[in-house]
C-alpha atoms as a PDB file:
ATOM      1  CA  MET A   1       6.466   2.726  -7.524  1.00  0.00           C
ATOM      2  CA  LYS A   2       6.798   6.391  -7.149  1.00  0.00           C
ATOM      3  CA  GLU A   3       9.894   7.832  -6.375  1.00  0.00           C
ATOM      4  CA  ASN A   4      10.607   9.645  -3.265  1.00  0.00           C
ATOM      5  CA  SER A   5       9.948  13.749  -3.350  1.00  0.00           C
ATOM      6  CA  ALA A   6       8.579  16.452  -1.590  1.00  0.00           C
ATOM      7  CA  ARG A   7       5.311  15.086  -2.249  1.00  0.00           C
ATOM      8  CA  TYR A   8       5.837  11.336  -2.121  1.00  0.00           C
ATOM      9  CA  PHE A   9       8.597   9.654   0.658  1.00  0.00           C
ATOM     10  CA  SER A  10       8.393   5.754   1.414  1.00  0.00           C
ATOM     11  CA  ASN A  11      10.386   4.204   4.511  1.00  0.00           C
ATOM     12  CA  LYS A  12       9.835   0.369   4.016  1.00  0.00           C
ATOM     13  CA  SER A  13      12.678   0.030   6.155  1.00  0.00           C
ATOM     14  CA  CYS A  14      10.214   1.624   8.651  1.00  0.00           C
ATOM     15  CA  ALA A  15       9.510  -1.268  11.776  1.00  0.00           C
ATOM     16  CA  TYR A  16       6.070  -0.271  11.791  1.00  0.00           C
ATOM     17  CA  TYR A  17       5.867  -0.266   7.207  1.00  0.00           C
ATOM     18  CA  PRO A  18       2.598   0.237   6.388  1.00  0.00           C
ATOM     19  CA  CYS A  19       1.225   1.886   9.935  1.00  0.00           C
ATOM     20  CA  HIS A  20      -2.427   0.964   8.498  1.00  0.00           C
ATOM     21  CA  LYS A  21      -3.593  -1.816   6.821  1.00  0.00           C
ATOM     22  CA  THR A  22      -3.771  -0.849   3.247  1.00  0.00           C
ATOM     23  CA  ASP A  23      -4.066  -3.107  -0.066  1.00  0.00           C
ATOM     24  CA  ASN A  24      -1.260  -0.794  -2.483  1.00  0.00           C
ATOM     25  CA  ALA A  25       1.552  -0.587  -0.010  1.00  0.00           C
ATOM     26  CA  GLU A  26       3.652  -0.917  -2.744  1.00  0.00           C
ATOM     27  CA  ASP A  27       2.469   2.692  -3.686  1.00  0.00           C
ATOM     28  CA  PHE A  28       2.032   3.724   0.471  1.00  0.00           C
ATOM     29  CA  ASN A  29       3.052   7.943   1.959  1.00  0.00           C
ATOM     30  CA  CYS A  30       4.929   7.754   4.737  1.00  0.00           C
ATOM     31  CA  LEU A  31       5.632  11.443   4.631  1.00  0.00           C
ATOM     32  CA  PHE A  32       2.851  12.849   6.921  1.00  0.00           C
ATOM     33  CA  CYS A  33       3.979  10.506   9.450  1.00  0.00           C
ATOM     34  CA  TYR A  34       1.909  12.186  11.909  1.00  0.00           C
ATOM     35  CA  CYS A  35      -1.100  13.944  10.224  1.00  0.00           C
ATOM     36  CA  PRO A  36      -0.560  17.592  10.336  1.00  0.00           C
ATOM     37  CA  LEU A  37      -4.841  17.019  10.550  1.00  0.00           C
ATOM     38  CA  TYR A  38      -4.761  15.590  13.836  1.00  0.00           C
ATOM     39  CA  ALA A  39      -5.742  18.640  15.740  1.00  0.00           C
ATOM     40  CA  LEU A  40      -8.161  19.725  13.329  1.00  0.00           C
ATOM     41  CA  GLY A  41     -10.698  16.877  16.016  1.00  0.00           C
ATOM     42  CA  GLN A  42     -13.347  15.997  14.151  1.00  0.00           C
ATOM     43  CA  ASN A  43     -12.678  18.501  12.006  1.00  0.00           C
ATOM     44  CA  CYS A  44      -9.987  16.609   9.450  1.00  0.00           C
ATOM     45  CA  GLY A  45     -11.854  15.087   7.315  1.00  0.00           C
ATOM     46  CA  GLY A  46      -9.943  10.968   7.748  1.00  0.00           C
ATOM     47  CA  GLY A  47     -11.337   8.134   9.224  1.00  0.00           C
ATOM     48  CA  PHE A  48     -11.014   8.067  12.856  1.00  0.00           C
ATOM     49  CA  ARG A  49     -12.555   7.501  15.192  1.00  0.00           C
ATOM     50  CA  TYR A  50     -12.387   7.984  19.251  1.00  0.00           C
ATOM     51  CA  THR A  51     -11.496   5.474  22.043  1.00  0.00           C
ATOM     52  CA  ASP A  52     -13.971   5.623  24.929  1.00  0.00           C
ATOM     53  CA  ASN A  53     -11.524   7.856  27.190  1.00  0.00           C
ATOM     54  CA  GLY A  54     -12.182  10.505  24.336  1.00  0.00           C
ATOM     55  CA  VAL A  55      -8.267   9.697  22.518  1.00  0.00           C
ATOM     56  CA  LYS A  56      -8.526  10.508  18.668  1.00  0.00           C
ATOM     57  CA  ASP A  57      -7.146   7.170  17.407  1.00  0.00           C
ATOM     58  CA  CYS A  58      -6.073   7.340  13.422  1.00  0.00           C
ATOM     59  CA  THR A  59      -5.942   3.257  12.945  1.00  0.00           C
ATOM     60  CA  ASN A  60      -8.089   3.472   9.913  1.00  0.00           C
ATOM     61  CA  CYS A  61      -7.524   6.451   8.018  1.00  0.00           C
ATOM     62  CA  THR A  62      -5.361   5.880   5.303  1.00  0.00           C
ATOM     63  CA  LEU A  63      -6.241   9.537   3.607  1.00  0.00           C
ATOM     64  CA  PRO A  64      -2.878  11.391   3.805  1.00  0.00           C
ATOM     65  CA  HIS A  65      -1.003   8.323   3.035  1.00  0.00           C
ATOM     66  CA  GLY A  66      -3.132   6.961  -0.748  1.00  0.00           C
ATOM     67  CA  GLU A  67      -3.585   9.144  -3.884  1.00  0.00           C
ATOM     68  CA  GLY A  68      -4.034  12.798  -3.377  1.00  0.00           C
ATOM     69  CA  GLY A  69      -3.803  12.896   0.031  1.00  0.00           C
ATOM     70  CA  TYR A  70      -0.213  15.723   0.122  1.00  0.00           C
ATOM     71  CA  GLU A  71      -2.557  17.276  -1.889  1.00  0.00           C
ATOM     72  CA  TYR A  72      -5.636  17.113   0.888  1.00  0.00           C
ATOM     73  CA  VAL A  73      -3.736  18.189   3.146  1.00  0.00           C
ATOM     74  CA  MET A  74      -2.268  20.943   2.339  1.00  0.00           C
ATOM     75  CA  ALA A  75      -5.326  21.784   1.080  1.00  0.00           C
ATOM     76  CA  HIS A  76      -6.176  21.994   4.698  1.00  0.00           C
ATOM     77  CA  ILE A  77      -3.388  23.408   6.351  1.00  0.00           C
ATOM     78  CA  LYS A  78      -4.188  26.414   6.583  1.00  0.00           C
ATOM     79  CA  ASP A  79      -7.234  25.711   8.893  1.00  0.00           C
ATOM     80  CA  VAL A  80      -4.172  24.112  11.492  1.00  0.00           C
ATOM     81  CA  LEU A  81      -2.075  26.949  11.378  1.00  0.00           C
ATOM     82  CA  ALA A  82      -5.450  28.905  12.809  1.00  0.00           C
ATOM     83  CA  LEU A  83      -5.361  27.009  15.172  1.00  0.00           C
ATOM     84  CA  GLY A  84      -2.490  29.285  16.645  1.00  0.00           C
ATOM     85  CA  ARG A  85      -2.849  32.708  15.912  1.00  0.00           C
ATOM     86  CA  ARG A  86      -3.607  34.696  18.312  1.00  0.00           C
ATOM     87  CA  GLU A  87      -6.646  36.097  18.696  1.00  0.00           C
END
């Protein structure tokens, strides 16, 4: 089991823990409870789908919650920040 830190946080007392199906609940990282890459749409790199009414559904994505998830999010956060730049 990992210890809580700036790169990893596990909230086992959460009513939704783990919020995604996983084979490794002991190492499930809750740090990005709400994925900061969601706004990148189809360019986030995760295992998502779009519902029939066009809503992005990340139910099957564990990318930010698993091994290397923190590093992946940090490597792509600049793309999210670019969305807020004034042109």
